[in-house]
PDB file of N, CA and C in Angstrom:
ATOM      1  N   MET A   1      99.818 111.108  79.354  1.00  0.00           N
ATOM      2  CA  MET A   1     100.723 111.961  80.094  1.00  0.00           C
ATOM      3  C   MET A   1     100.972 111.312  81.460  1.00  0.00           C
ATOM      4  N   LEU A   2     102.220 111.339  81.850  1.00  0.00           N
ATOM      5  CA  LEU A   2     102.627 110.826  83.156  1.00  0.00           C
ATOM      6  C   LEU A   2     103.100 112.013  83.991  1.00  0.00           C
ATOM      7  N   VAL A   3     102.414 112.264  85.110  1.00  0.00           N
ATOM      8  CA  VAL A   3     102.752 113.376  85.993  1.00  0.00           C
ATOM      9  C   VAL A   3     103.277 112.787  87.291  1.00  0.00           C
ATOM     10  N   GLU A   4     104.597 112.888  87.475  1.00  0.00           N
ATOM     11  CA  GLU A   4     105.260 112.224  88.599  1.00  0.00           C
ATOM     12  C   GLU A   4     106.531 112.985  88.941  1.00  0.00           C
ATOM     13  N   ASP A   5     106.690 113.366  90.204  1.00  0.00           N
ATOM     14  CA  ASP A   5     107.880 114.121  90.610  1.00  0.00           C
ATOM     15  C   ASP A   5     109.062 113.234  90.981  1.00  0.00           C
ATOM     16  N   ASN A   6     108.823 111.962  91.269  1.00  0.00           N
ATOM     17  CA  ASN A   6     109.904 111.058  91.653  1.00  0.00           C
ATOM     18  C   ASN A   6     110.548 110.483  90.389  1.00  0.00           C
ATOM     19  N   ASP A   7     111.854 110.742  90.229  1.00  0.00           N
ATOM     20  CA  ASP A   7     112.565 110.323  89.017  1.00  0.00           C
ATOM     21  C   ASP A   7     112.465 108.818  88.759  1.00  0.00           C
ATOM     22  N   LEU A   8     112.690 108.017  89.786  1.00  0.00           N
ATOM     23  CA  LEU A   8     112.672 106.568  89.613  1.00  0.00           C
ATOM     24  C   LEU A   8     111.271 106.075  89.250  1.00  0.00           C
ATOM     25  N   ASP A   9     110.248 106.529  89.972  1.00  0.00           N
ATOM     26  CA  ASP A   9     108.869 106.124  89.678  1.00  0.00           C
ATOM     27  C   ASP A   9     108.484 106.542  88.253  1.00  0.00           C
ATOM     28  N   ARG A  10     108.896 107.745  87.871  1.00  0.00           N
ATOM     29  CA  ARG A  10     108.581 108.246  86.531  1.00  0.00           C
ATOM     30  C   ARG A  10     109.238 107.378  85.462  1.00  0.00           C
ATOM     31  N   GLU A  11     110.500 107.032  85.670  1.00  0.00           N
ATOM     32  CA  GLU A  11     111.236 106.237  84.683  1.00  0.00           C
ATOM     33  C   GLU A  11     110.663 104.827  84.551  1.00  0.00           C
ATOM     34  N   VAL A  12     110.386 104.177  85.672  1.00  0.00           N
ATOM     35  CA  VAL A  12     109.843 102.811  85.645  1.00  0.00           C
ATOM     36  C   VAL A  12     108.480 102.793  84.946  1.00  0.00           C
ATOM     37  N   THR A  13     107.624 103.724  85.299  1.00  0.00           N
ATOM     38  CA  THR A  13     106.284 103.761  84.701  1.00  0.00           C
ATOM     39  C   THR A  13     106.357 104.122  83.226  1.00  0.00           C
ATOM     40  N   ARG A  14     107.199 105.092  82.889  1.00  0.00           N
ATOM     41  CA  ARG A  14     107.351 105.484  81.483  1.00  0.00           C
ATOM     42  C   ARG A  14     107.828 104.301  80.647  1.00  0.00           C
ATOM     43  N   GLU A  15     108.845 103.593  81.139  1.00  0.00           N
ATOM     44  CA  GLU A  15     109.367 102.444  80.405  1.00  0.00           C
ATOM     45  C   GLU A  15     108.310 101.362  80.233  1.00  0.00           C
ATOM     46  N   PHE A  16     107.537 101.093  81.274  1.00  0.00           N
ATOM     47  CA  PHE A  16     106.472 100.095  81.183  1.00  0.00           C
ATOM     48  C   PHE A  16     105.493 100.470  80.072  1.00  0.00           C
ATOM     49  N   LEU A  17     105.087 101.721  80.036  1.00  0.00           N
ATOM     50  CA  LEU A  17     104.124 102.172  79.038  1.00  0.00           C
ATOM     51  C   LEU A  17     104.714 102.166  77.628  1.00  0.00           C
ATOM     52  N   GLU A  18     105.926 102.662  77.504  1.00  0.00           N
ATOM     53  CA  GLU A  18     106.553 102.728  76.178  1.00  0.00           C
ATOM     54  C   GLU A  18     106.858 101.342  75.617  1.00  0.00           C
ATOM     55  N   GLU A  19     107.199 100.391  76.471  1.00  0.00           N
ATOM     56  CA  GLU A  19     107.443  99.021  76.013  1.00  0.00           C
ATOM     57  C   GLU A  19     106.187  98.399  75.423  1.00  0.00           C
ATOM     58  N   ARG A  20     105.046  98.929  75.772  1.00  0.00           N
ATOM     59  CA  ARG A  20     103.774  98.436  75.261  1.00  0.00           C
ATOM     60  C   ARG A  20     103.233  99.309  74.132  1.00  0.00           C
ATOM     61  N   GLY A  21     104.057 100.230  73.661  1.00  0.00           N
ATOM     62  CA  GLY A  21     103.689 101.024  72.491  1.00  0.00           C
ATOM     63  C   GLY A  21     103.076 102.381  72.773  1.00  0.00           C
ATOM     64  N   ALA A  22     102.977 102.765  74.020  1.00  0.00           N
ATOM     65  CA  ALA A  22     102.390 104.070  74.343  1.00  0.00           C
ATOM     66  C   ALA A  22     103.399 105.188  74.084  1.00  0.00           C
ATOM     67  N   ASN A  23     102.905 106.313  73.649  1.00  0.00           N
ATOM     68  CA  ASN A  23     103.703 107.526  73.508  1.00  0.00           C
ATOM     69  C   ASN A  23     103.492 108.320  74.791  1.00  0.00           C
ATOM     70  N   VAL A  24     104.547 108.490  75.575  1.00  0.00           N
ATOM     71  CA  VAL A  24     104.416 109.074  76.911  1.00  0.00           C
ATOM     72  C   VAL A  24     105.112 110.425  76.991  1.00  0.00           C
ATOM     73  N   ASN A  25     104.359 111.431  77.399  1.00  0.00           N
ATOM     74  CA  ASN A  25     104.925 112.731  77.735  1.00  0.00           C
ATOM     75  C   ASN A  25     104.925 112.827  79.251  1.00  0.00           C
ATOM     76  N   CYS A  26     106.037 113.309  79.823  1.00  0.00           N
ATOM     77  CA  CYS A  26     106.168 113.370  81.274  1.00  0.00           C
ATOM     78  C   CYS A  26     106.184 114.808  81.776  1.00  0.00           C
ATOM     79  N   ALA A  27     105.576 114.996  82.927  1.00  0.00           N
ATOM     80  CA  ALA A  27     105.620 116.266  83.648  1.00  0.00           C
ATOM     81  C   ALA A  27     106.055 115.955  85.073  1.00  0.00           C
ATOM     82  N   GLU A  28     106.876 116.842  85.644  1.00  0.00           N
ATOM     83  CA  GLU A  28     107.393 116.611  86.989  1.00  0.00           C
ATOM     84  C   GLU A  28     106.508 117.183  88.085  1.00  0.00           C
ATOM     85  N   ASN A  29     105.494 117.944  87.709  1.00  0.00           N
ATOM     86  CA  ASN A  29     104.574 118.507  88.699  1.00  0.00           C
ATOM     87  C   ASN A  29     103.286 118.953  88.015  1.00  0.00           C
ATOM     88  N   GLY A  30     102.317 119.346  88.823  1.00  0.00           N
ATOM     89  CA  GLY A  30     101.023 119.744  88.283  1.00  0.00           C
ATOM     90  C   GLY A  30     101.061 120.979  87.416  1.00  0.00           C
ATOM     91  N   VAL A  31     101.915 121.924  87.756  1.00  0.00           N
ATOM     92  CA  VAL A  31     102.024 123.160  86.960  1.00  0.00           C
ATOM     93  C   VAL A  31     102.489 122.814  85.548  1.00  0.00           C
ATOM     94  N   SER A  32     103.504 121.973  85.440  1.00  0.00           N
ATOM     95  CA  SER A  32     104.002 121.554  84.128  1.00  0.00           C
ATOM     96  C   SER A  32     102.928 120.801  83.354  1.00  0.00           C
ATOM     97  N   ALA A  33     102.197 119.942  84.038  1.00  0.00           N
ATOM     98  CA  ALA A  33     101.138 119.170  83.381  1.00  0.00           C
ATOM     99  C   ALA A  33     100.066 120.086  82.802  1.00  0.00           C
ATOM    100  N   LEU A  34      99.646 121.063  83.576  1.00  0.00           N
ATOM    101  CA  LEU A  34      98.628 122.006  83.085  1.00  0.00           C
ATOM    102  C   LEU A  34      99.137 122.791  81.885  1.00  0.00           C
ATOM    103  N   ASN A  35     100.383 123.220  81.938  1.00  0.00           N
ATOM    104  CA  ASN A  35     100.967 123.938  80.797  1.00  0.00           C
ATOM    105  C   ASN A  35     101.012 123.050  79.558  1.00  0.00           C
ATOM    106  N   MET A  36     101.388 121.809  79.739  1.00  0.00           N
ATOM    107  CA  MET A  36     101.425 120.881  78.602  1.00  0.00           C
ATOM    108  C   MET A  36     100.031 120.700  78.002  1.00  0.00           C
ATOM    109  N   LEU A  37      99.035 120.552  78.841  1.00  0.00           N
ATOM    110  CA  LEU A  37      97.668 120.393  78.351  1.00  0.00           C
ATOM    111  C   LEU A  37      97.177 121.631  77.612  1.00  0.00           C
ATOM    112  N   LYS A  38      97.426 122.789  78.196  1.00  0.00           N
ATOM    113  CA  LYS A  38      96.950 124.042  77.606  1.00  0.00           C
ATOM    114  C   LYS A  38      97.641 124.376  76.297  1.00  0.00           C
ATOM    115  N   HIS A  39      98.862 123.882  76.106  1.00  0.00           N
ATOM    116  CA  HIS A  39      99.627 124.224  74.912  1.00  0.00           C
ATOM    117  C   HIS A  39      99.797 123.054  73.952  1.00  0.00           C
ATOM    118  N   SER A  40      98.972 122.040  74.095  1.00  0.00           N
ATOM    119  CA  SER A  40      99.075 120.889  73.195  1.00  0.00           C
ATOM    120  C   SER A  40      98.311 121.198  71.918  1.00  0.00           C
ATOM    121  N   LYS A  41      99.032 121.675  70.922  1.00  0.00           N
ATOM    122  CA  LYS A  41      98.416 122.035  69.643  1.00  0.00           C
ATOM    123  C   LYS A  41      98.370 120.817  68.742  1.00  0.00           C
ATOM    124  N   GLY A  42      97.170 120.364  68.475  1.00  0.00           N
ATOM    125  CA  GLY A  42      97.005 119.244  67.571  1.00  0.00           C
ATOM    126  C   GLY A  42      97.208 117.884  68.208  1.00  0.00           C
ATOM    127  N   SER A  43      97.898 117.803  69.312  1.00  0.00           N
ATOM    128  CA  SER A  43      98.075 116.494  69.955  1.00  0.00           C
ATOM    129  C   SER A  43      97.284 116.467  71.248  1.00  0.00           C
ATOM    130  N   ARG A  44      96.498 115.445  71.381  1.00  0.00           N
ATOM    131  CA  ARG A  44      95.673 115.295  72.575  1.00  0.00           C
ATOM    132  C   ARG A  44      96.161 114.108  73.380  1.00  0.00           C
ATOM    133  N   TYR A  45      95.940 114.175  74.645  1.00  0.00           N
ATOM    134  CA  TYR A  45      96.316 113.080  75.526  1.00  0.00           C
ATOM    135  C   TYR A  45      95.112 112.171  75.719  1.00  0.00           C
ATOM    136  N   ASN A  46      95.358 110.868  75.727  1.00  0.00           N
ATOM    137  CA  ASN A  46      94.286 109.892  75.926  1.00  0.00           C
ATOM    138  C   ASN A  46      94.039 109.602  77.392  1.00  0.00           C
ATOM    139  N   LEU A  47      95.076 109.817  78.212  1.00  0.00           N
ATOM    140  CA  LEU A  47      95.019 109.419  79.610  1.00  0.00           C
ATOM    141  C   LEU A  47      96.085 110.181  80.389  1.00  0.00           C
ATOM    142  N   ILE A  48      95.807 110.433  81.664  1.00  0.00           N
ATOM    143  CA  ILE A  48      96.800 111.055  82.544  1.00  0.00           C
ATOM    144  C   ILE A  48      96.994 110.155  83.757  1.00  0.00           C
ATOM    145  N   LEU A  49      98.250 109.814  84.023  1.00  0.00           N
ATOM    146  CA  LEU A  49      98.618 109.125  85.262  1.00  0.00           C
ATOM    147  C   LEU A  49      99.143 110.209  86.182  1.00  0.00           C
ATOM    148  N   MET A  50      98.458 110.440  87.292  1.00  0.00           N
ATOM    149  CA  MET A  50      98.709 111.597  88.147  1.00  0.00           C
ATOM    150  C   MET A  50      99.170 111.204  89.547  1.00  0.00           C
ATOM    151  N   ASP A  51     100.404 111.552  89.878  1.00  0.00           N
ATOM    152  CA  ASP A  51     100.876 111.400  91.247  1.00  0.00           C
ATOM    153  C   ASP A  51     100.080 112.363  92.118  1.00  0.00           C
ATOM    154  N   ILE A  52      99.877 112.016  93.357  1.00  0.00           N
ATOM    155  CA  ILE A  52      99.120 112.888  94.259  1.00  0.00           C
ATOM    156  C   ILE A  52     100.022 113.890  94.965  1.00  0.00           C
ATOM    157  N   LYS A  53     101.081 113.429  95.582  1.00  0.00           N
ATOM    158  CA  LYS A  53     101.939 114.334  96.364  1.00  0.00           C
ATOM    159  C   LYS A  53     103.091 114.836  95.512  1.00  0.00           C
ATOM    160  N   MET A  54     102.970 116.092  95.086  1.00  0.00           N
ATOM    161  CA  MET A  54     103.992 116.727  94.254  1.00  0.00           C
ATOM    162  C   MET A  54     104.193 118.161  94.727  1.00  0.00           C
ATOM    163  N   PRO A  55     105.360 118.714  94.435  1.00  0.00           N
ATOM    164  CA  PRO A  55     105.591 120.126  94.768  1.00  0.00           C
ATOM    165  C   PRO A  55     104.805 121.035  93.830  1.00  0.00           C
ATOM    166  N   LEU A  56     104.646 122.270  94.220  1.00  0.00           N
ATOM    167  CA  LEU A  56     103.974 123.333  93.463  1.00  0.00           C
ATOM    168  C   LEU A  56     102.464 123.159  93.389  1.00  0.00           C
ATOM    169  N   LEU A  57     102.008 122.055  92.862  1.00  0.00           N
ATOM    170  CA  LEU A  57     100.573 121.811  92.710  1.00  0.00           C
ATOM    171  C   LEU A  57     100.370 120.306  92.819  1.00  0.00           C
ATOM    172  N   ASP A  58      99.650 119.865  93.848  1.00  0.00           N
ATOM    173  CA  ASP A  58      99.503 118.419  94.019  1.00  0.00           C
ATOM    174  C   ASP A  58      98.518 117.842  93.008  1.00  0.00           C
ATOM    175  N   GLY A  59      98.411 116.517  93.000  1.00  0.00           N
ATOM    176  CA  GLY A  59      97.561 115.843  92.023  1.00  0.00           C
ATOM    177  C   GLY A  59      96.084 116.167  92.147  1.00  0.00           C
ATOM    178  N   PHE A  60      95.608 116.370  93.369  1.00  0.00           N
ATOM    179  CA  PHE A  60      94.199 116.730  93.558  1.00  0.00           C
ATOM    180  C   PHE A  60      93.913 118.106  92.957  1.00  0.00           C
ATOM    181  N   GLU A  61      94.760 119.082  93.293  1.00  0.00           N
ATOM    182  CA  GLU A  61      94.568 120.444  92.780  1.00  0.00           C
ATOM    183  C   GLU A  61      94.724 120.487  91.271  1.00  0.00           C
ATOM    184  N   THR A  62      95.677 119.746  90.758  1.00  0.00           N
ATOM    185  CA  THR A  62      95.887 119.700  89.311  1.00  0.00           C
ATOM    186  C   THR A  62      94.659 119.122  88.621  1.00  0.00           C
ATOM    187  N   THR A  63      94.122 118.046  89.165  1.00  0.00           N
ATOM    188  CA  THR A  63      92.929 117.428  88.588  1.00  0.00           C
ATOM    189  C   THR A  63      91.748 118.389  88.623  1.00  0.00           C
ATOM    190  N   GLU A  64      91.567 119.093  89.732  1.00  0.00           N
ATOM    191  CA  GLU A  64      90.476 120.077  89.810  1.00  0.00           C
ATOM    192  C   GLU A  64      90.607 121.110  88.692  1.00  0.00           C
ATOM    193  N   GLN A  65      91.822 121.579  88.455  1.00  0.00           N
ATOM    194  CA  GLN A  65      92.024 122.584  87.413  1.00  0.00           C
ATOM    195  C   GLN A  65      91.825 121.994  86.019  1.00  0.00           C
ATOM    196  N   ILE A  66      92.218 120.750  85.822  1.00  0.00           N
ATOM    197  CA  ILE A  66      91.984 120.103  84.524  1.00  0.00           C
ATOM    198  C   ILE A  66      90.487 119.990  84.280  1.00  0.00           C
ATOM    199  N   ARG A  67      89.741 119.584  85.277  1.00  0.00           N
ATOM    200  CA  ARG A  67      88.293 119.409  85.128  1.00  0.00           C
ATOM    201  C   ARG A  67      87.570 120.741  84.864  1.00  0.00           C
ATOM    202  N   GLU A  68      88.209 121.845  85.193  1.00  0.00           N
ATOM    203  CA  GLU A  68      87.613 123.172  84.968  1.00  0.00           C
ATOM    204  C   GLU A  68      88.055 123.817  83.646  1.00  0.00           C
ATOM    205  N   LEU A  69      88.913 123.152  82.876  1.00  0.00           N
ATOM    206  CA  LEU A  69      89.381 123.730  81.614  1.00  0.00           C
ATOM    207  C   LEU A  69      88.213 123.957  80.657  1.00  0.00           C
ATOM    208  N   SER A  70      88.289 125.015  79.887  1.00  0.00           N
ATOM    209  CA  SER A  70      87.215 125.323  78.931  1.00  0.00           C
ATOM    210  C   SER A  70      87.232 124.367  77.740  1.00  0.00           C
ATOM    211  N   ASP A  71      88.379 123.807  77.407  1.00  0.00           N
ATOM    212  CA  ASP A  71      88.488 122.826  76.331  1.00  0.00           C
ATOM    213  C   ASP A  71      87.900 121.516  76.836  1.00  0.00           C
ATOM    214  N   ARG A  72      86.718 121.193  76.364  1.00  0.00           N
ATOM    215  CA  ARG A  72      85.988 120.027  76.860  1.00  0.00           C
ATOM    216  C   ARG A  72      86.781 118.731  76.673  1.00  0.00           C
ATOM    217  N   GLU A  73      87.472 118.598  75.552  1.00  0.00           N
ATOM    218  CA  GLU A  73      88.246 117.381  75.311  1.00  0.00           C
ATOM    219  C   GLU A  73      89.336 117.209  76.367  1.00  0.00           C
ATOM    220  N   SER A  74      90.035 118.274  76.678  1.00  0.00           N
ATOM    221  CA  SER A  74      91.087 118.210  77.696  1.00  0.00           C
ATOM    222  C   SER A  74      90.511 118.007  79.091  1.00  0.00           C
ATOM    223  N   SER A  75      89.389 118.635  79.366  1.00  0.00           N
ATOM    224  CA  SER A  75      88.822 118.554  80.715  1.00  0.00           C
ATOM    225  C   SER A  75      88.236 117.180  81.034  1.00  0.00           C
ATOM    226  N   GLN A  76      88.003 116.375  80.008  1.00  0.00           N
ATOM    227  CA  GLN A  76      87.394 115.058  80.212  1.00  0.00           C
ATOM    228  C   GLN A  76      88.384 113.893  80.116  1.00  0.00           C
ATOM    229  N   ILE A  77      89.662 114.179  79.988  1.00  0.00           N
ATOM    230  CA  ILE A  77      90.659 113.115  79.882  1.00  0.00           C
ATOM    231  C   ILE A  77      90.612 112.246  81.141  1.00  0.00           C
ATOM    232  N   PRO A  78      90.577 110.925  80.984  1.00  0.00           N
ATOM    233  CA  PRO A  78      90.596 110.052  82.163  1.00  0.00           C
ATOM    234  C   PRO A  78      91.897 110.248  82.957  1.00  0.00           C
ATOM    235  N   ILE A  79      91.765 110.260  84.282  1.00  0.00           N
ATOM    236  CA  ILE A  79      92.915 110.462  85.163  1.00  0.00           C
ATOM    237  C   ILE A  79      92.980 109.327  86.181  1.00  0.00           C
ATOM    238  N   ILE A  80      94.152 108.704  86.239  1.00  0.00           N
ATOM    239  CA  ILE A  80      94.411 107.659  87.229  1.00  0.00           C
ATOM    240  C   ILE A  80      95.325 108.246  88.301  1.00  0.00           C
ATOM    241  N   ALA A  81      94.864 108.214  89.544  1.00  0.00           N
ATOM    242  CA  ALA A  81      95.674 108.680  90.668  1.00  0.00           C
ATOM    243  C   ALA A  81      96.705 107.618  91.026  1.00  0.00           C
ATOM    244  N   MET A  82      97.914 108.088  91.355  1.00  0.00           N
ATOM    245  CA  MET A  82      98.981 107.200  91.825  1.00  0.00           C
ATOM    246  C   MET A  82      99.491 107.782  93.135  1.00  0.00           C
ATOM    247  N   THR A  83      99.469 106.966  94.202  1.00  0.00           N
ATOM    248  CA  THR A  83      99.853 107.488  95.500  1.00  0.00           C
ATOM    249  C   THR A  83     100.342 106.386  96.424  1.00  0.00           C
ATOM    250  N   ALA A  84     101.134 106.769  97.397  1.00  0.00           N
ATOM    251  CA  ALA A  84     101.555 105.833  98.433  1.00  0.00           C
ATOM    252  C   ALA A  84     100.489 105.733  99.528  1.00  0.00           C
ATOM    253  N   ASP A  85      99.485 106.587  99.463  1.00  0.00           N
ATOM    254  CA  ASP A  85      98.420 106.662 100.469  1.00  0.00           C
ATOM    255  C   ASP A  85      97.271 105.738 100.098  1.00  0.00           C
ATOM    256  N   GLY A  86      97.144 104.633 100.821  1.00  0.00           N
ATOM    257  CA  GLY A  86      96.072 103.699 100.534  1.00  0.00           C
ATOM    258  C   GLY A  86      94.840 103.892 101.397  1.00  0.00           C
ATOM    259  N   PHE A  87      94.770 105.011 102.108  1.00  0.00           N
ATOM    260  CA  PHE A  87      93.640 105.246 103.011  1.00  0.00           C
ATOM    261  C   PHE A  87      92.386 105.665 102.244  1.00  0.00           C
ATOM    262  N   ASP A  88      91.237 105.365 102.843  1.00  0.00           N
ATOM    263  CA  ASP A  88      89.958 105.683 102.213  1.00  0.00           C
ATOM    264  C   ASP A  88      89.768 107.175 101.970  1.00  0.00           C
ATOM    265  N   GLU A  89      90.354 108.020 102.831  1.00  0.00           N
ATOM    266  CA  GLU A  89      90.224 109.476 102.658  1.00  0.00           C
ATOM    267  C   GLU A  89      90.777 109.911 101.301  1.00  0.00           C
ATOM    268  N   GLY A  90      91.921 109.346 100.933  1.00  0.00           N
ATOM    269  CA  GLY A  90      92.531 109.686  99.648  1.00  0.00           C
ATOM    270  C   GLY A  90      91.675 109.229  98.492  1.00  0.00           C
ATOM    271  N   LYS A  91      91.135 108.042  98.576  1.00  0.00           N
ATOM    272  CA  LYS A  91      90.254 107.531  97.519  1.00  0.00           C
ATOM    273  C   LYS A  91      89.022 108.410  97.373  1.00  0.00           C
ATOM    274  N   LYS A  92      88.455 108.804  98.512  1.00  0.00           N
ATOM    275  CA  LYS A  92      87.265 109.654  98.488  1.00  0.00           C
ATOM    276  C   LYS A  92      87.585 111.006  97.847  1.00  0.00           C
ATOM    277  N   ARG A  93      88.690 111.585  98.229  1.00  0.00           N
ATOM    278  CA  ARG A  93      89.107 112.884  97.671  1.00  0.00           C
ATOM    279  C   ARG A  93      89.350 112.759  96.166  1.00  0.00           C
ATOM    280  N   ALA A  94      89.964 111.654  95.747  1.00  0.00           N
ATOM    281  CA  ALA A  94      90.207 111.435  94.316  1.00  0.00           C
ATOM    282  C   ALA A  94      88.889 111.422  93.541  1.00  0.00           C
ATOM    283  N   GLN A  95      87.887 110.750  94.077  1.00  0.00           N
ATOM    284  CA  GLN A  95      86.574 110.720  93.427  1.00  0.00           C
ATOM    285  C   GLN A  95      85.955 112.111  93.391  1.00  0.00           C
ATOM    286  N   GLU A  96      86.069 112.843  94.490  1.00  0.00           N
ATOM    287  CA  GLU A  96      85.481 114.182  94.581  1.00  0.00           C
ATOM    288  C   GLU A  96      86.049 115.142  93.544  1.00  0.00           C
ATOM    289  N   VAL A  97      87.349 115.029  93.248  1.00  0.00           N
ATOM    290  CA  VAL A  97      87.958 115.966  92.291  1.00  0.00           C
ATOM    291  C   VAL A  97      87.840 115.490  90.853  1.00  0.00           C
ATOM    292  N   GLY A  98      87.325 114.275  90.660  1.00  0.00           N
ATOM    293  CA  GLY A  98      87.075 113.797  89.303  1.00  0.00           C
ATOM    294  C   GLY A  98      88.088 112.827  88.739  1.00  0.00           C
ATOM    295  N   MET A  99      88.867 112.198  89.615  1.00  0.00           N
ATOM    296  CA  MET A  99      89.785 111.162  89.138  1.00  0.00           C
ATOM    297  C   MET A  99      88.982 109.901  88.835  1.00  0.00           C
ATOM    298  N   ASN A 100      89.419 109.156  87.837  1.00  0.00           N
ATOM    299  CA  ASN A 100      88.668 107.999  87.370  1.00  0.00           C
ATOM    300  C   ASN A 100      89.103 106.679  87.990  1.00  0.00           C
ATOM    301  N   ALA A 101      90.306 106.631  88.528  1.00  0.00           N
ATOM    302  CA  ALA A 101      90.808 105.415  89.175  1.00  0.00           C
ATOM    303  C   ALA A 101      91.861 105.828  90.200  1.00  0.00           C
ATOM    304  N   TYR A 102      92.139 104.928  91.131  1.00  0.00           N
ATOM    305  CA  TYR A 102      93.032 105.223  92.257  1.00  0.00           C
ATOM    306  C   TYR A 102      93.944 104.022  92.461  1.00  0.00           C
ATOM    307  N   MET A 103      95.243 104.231  92.327  1.00  0.00           N
ATOM    308  CA  MET A 103      96.208 103.150  92.485  1.00  0.00           C
ATOM    309  C   MET A 103      97.225 103.489  93.568  1.00  0.00           C
ATOM    310  N   VAL A 104      97.576 102.479  94.358  1.00  0.00           N
ATOM    311  CA  VAL A 104      98.534 102.665  95.435  1.00  0.00           C
ATOM    312  C   VAL A 104      99.908 102.179  94.959  1.00  0.00           C
ATOM    313  N   LYS A 105     100.929 102.988  95.272  1.00  0.00           N
ATOM    314  CA  LYS A 105     102.309 102.637  94.940  1.00  0.00           C
ATOM    315  C   LYS A 105     102.870 101.693  95.987  1.00  0.00           C
ATOM    316  N   PRO A 106     103.786 100.829  95.631  1.00  0.00           N
ATOM    317  CA  PRO A 106     104.303 100.650  94.281  1.00  0.00           C
ATOM    318  C   PRO A 106     103.207 100.088  93.373  1.00  0.00           C
ATOM    319  N   LEU A 107     103.193 100.584  92.149  1.00  0.00           N
ATOM    320  CA  LEU A 107     102.142 100.206  91.218  1.00  0.00           C
ATOM    321  C   LEU A 107     102.233  98.737  90.832  1.00  0.00           C
ATOM    322  N   ASP A 108     101.080  98.107  90.791  1.00  0.00           N
ATOM    323  CA  ASP A 108     100.952  96.765  90.246  1.00  0.00           C
ATOM    324  C   ASP A 108     100.706  96.974  88.750  1.00  0.00           C
ATOM    325  N   MET A 109     101.674  96.574  87.920  1.00  0.00           N
ATOM    326  CA  MET A 109     101.594  96.878  86.496  1.00  0.00           C
ATOM    327  C   MET A 109     100.444  96.159  85.799  1.00  0.00           C
ATOM    328  N   ILE A 110     100.041  95.010  86.296  1.00  0.00           N
ATOM    329  CA  ILE A 110      98.869  94.332  85.729  1.00  0.00           C
ATOM    330  C   ILE A 110      97.619  95.146  86.027  1.00  0.00           C
ATOM    331  N   GLU A 111      97.508  95.645  87.255  1.00  0.00           N
ATOM    332  CA  GLU A 111      96.365  96.492  87.630  1.00  0.00           C
ATOM    333  C   GLU A 111      96.378  97.787  86.830  1.00  0.00           C
ATOM    334  N   LEU A 112      97.558  98.346  86.606  1.00  0.00           N
ATOM    335  CA  LEU A 112      97.664  99.572  85.804  1.00  0.00           C
ATOM    336  C   LEU A 112      97.139  99.322  84.398  1.00  0.00           C
ATOM    337  N   LYS A 113      97.578  98.239  83.789  1.00  0.00           N
ATOM    338  CA  LYS A 113      97.125  97.916  82.435  1.00  0.00           C
ATOM    339  C   LYS A 113      95.609  97.709  82.411  1.00  0.00           C
ATOM    340  N   GLU A 114      95.068  97.023  83.408  1.00  0.00           N
ATOM    341  CA  GLU A 114      93.616  96.809  83.488  1.00  0.00           C
ATOM    342  C   GLU A 114      92.867  98.132  83.614  1.00  0.00           C
ATOM    343  N   ASN A 115      93.384  99.042  84.450  1.00  0.00           N
ATOM    344  CA  ASN A 115      92.752 100.352  84.601  1.00  0.00           C
ATOM    345  C   ASN A 115      92.790 101.144  83.297  1.00  0.00           C
ATOM    346  N   ILE A 116      93.922 101.070  82.603  1.00  0.00           N
ATOM    347  CA  ILE A 116      94.043 101.783  81.330  1.00  0.00           C
ATOM    348  C   ILE A 116      93.015 101.242  80.336  1.00  0.00           C
ATOM    349  N   TYR A 117      92.906  99.931  80.237  1.00  0.00           N
ATOM    350  CA  TYR A 117      91.939  99.344  79.308  1.00  0.00           C
ATOM    351  C   TYR A 117      90.503  99.717  79.665  1.00  0.00           C
ATOM    352  N   LYS A 118      90.208  99.765  80.953  1.00  0.00           N
ATOM    353  CA  LYS A 118      88.854 100.139  81.387  1.00  0.00           C
ATOM    354  C   LYS A 118      88.507 101.565  80.981  1.00  0.00           C
ATOM    355  N   LEU A 119      89.510 102.449  81.032  1.00  0.00           N
ATOM    356  CA  LEU A 119      89.233 103.865  80.836  1.00  0.00           C
ATOM    357  C   LEU A 119      89.336 104.342  79.390  1.00  0.00           C
ATOM    358  N   LEU A 120      90.013 103.601  78.556  1.00  0.00           N
ATOM    359  CA  LEU A 120      90.218 104.049  77.188  1.00  0.00           C
ATOM    360  C   LEU A 120      89.262 103.360  76.227  1.00  0.00           C
ATOM    361  N   ASP A 121      88.884 104.090  75.188  1.00  0.00           N
ATOM    362  CA  ASP A 121      88.040 103.492  74.166  1.00  0.00           C
ATOM    363  C   ASP A 121      88.878 102.555  73.295  1.00  0.00           C
ATOM    364  N   GLU A 122      88.240 101.849  72.386  1.00  0.00           N
ATOM    365  CA  GLU A 122      88.930 100.848  71.568  1.00  0.00           C
ATOM    366  C   GLU A 122      90.084 101.448  70.758  1.00  0.00           C
ATOM    367  N   LYS A 123      89.889 102.628  70.206  1.00  0.00           N
ATOM    368  CA  LYS A 123      90.940 103.272  69.407  1.00  0.00           C
ATOM    369  C   LYS A 123      92.200 103.510  70.254  1.00  0.00           C
ATOM    370  N   ALA A 124      92.002 104.044  71.455  1.00  0.00           N
ATOM    371  CA  ALA A 124      93.133 104.319  72.322  1.00  0.00           C
ATOM    372  C   ALA A 124      93.769 103.026  72.822  1.00  0.00           C
ATOM    373  N   GLN A 125      92.969 102.010  73.073  1.00  0.00           N
ATOM    374  CA  GLN A 125      93.509 100.723  73.503  1.00  0.00           C
ATOM    375  C   GLN A 125      94.415 100.131  72.440  1.00  0.00           C
ATOM    376  N   ALA A 126      94.083 100.363  71.180  1.00  0.00           N
ATOM    377  CA  ALA A 126      94.871  99.801  70.086  1.00  0.00           C
ATOM    378  C   ALA A 126      96.298 100.340  70.067  1.00  0.00           C
ATOM    379  N   ILE A 127      96.511 101.557  70.572  1.00  0.00           N
ATOM    380  CA  ILE A 127      97.869 102.109  70.575  1.00  0.00           C
ATOM    381  C   ILE A 127      98.625 101.690  71.833  1.00  0.00           C
ATOM    382  N   PHE A 128      97.946 101.041  72.743  1.00  0.00           N
ATOM    383  CA  PHE A 128      98.609 100.558  73.956  1.00  0.00           C
ATOM    384  C   PHE A 128      98.647  99.051  73.928  1.00  0.00           C
TER     385      PHE A 128
END
């Protein structure tokens, strides 16, 4: 799942992932992402790319709510933070809320691919 409110960033990242064989569902904000997770019948997400600064519910708050979900499989999905904020405070906050990796925009696509491989098991890597 790609959670990104910026149309251009969402499109570029989605295309990068889909060109490599990933099936990408997009959400424009944290509220939409949570709804998608809660209503995903039979389909599970392997990874979430989460923008930090979004309207309605930011990436930190969204991640906190994901980590509190009663569905253990959904609550444990690896989450990569994506942000224009490269300061240590943001990285620390990302760790505190349970994000698994922290990337600064504009995204380095090689670093993104490396982070995805680090976080996904062999089965999930095979589809990417």
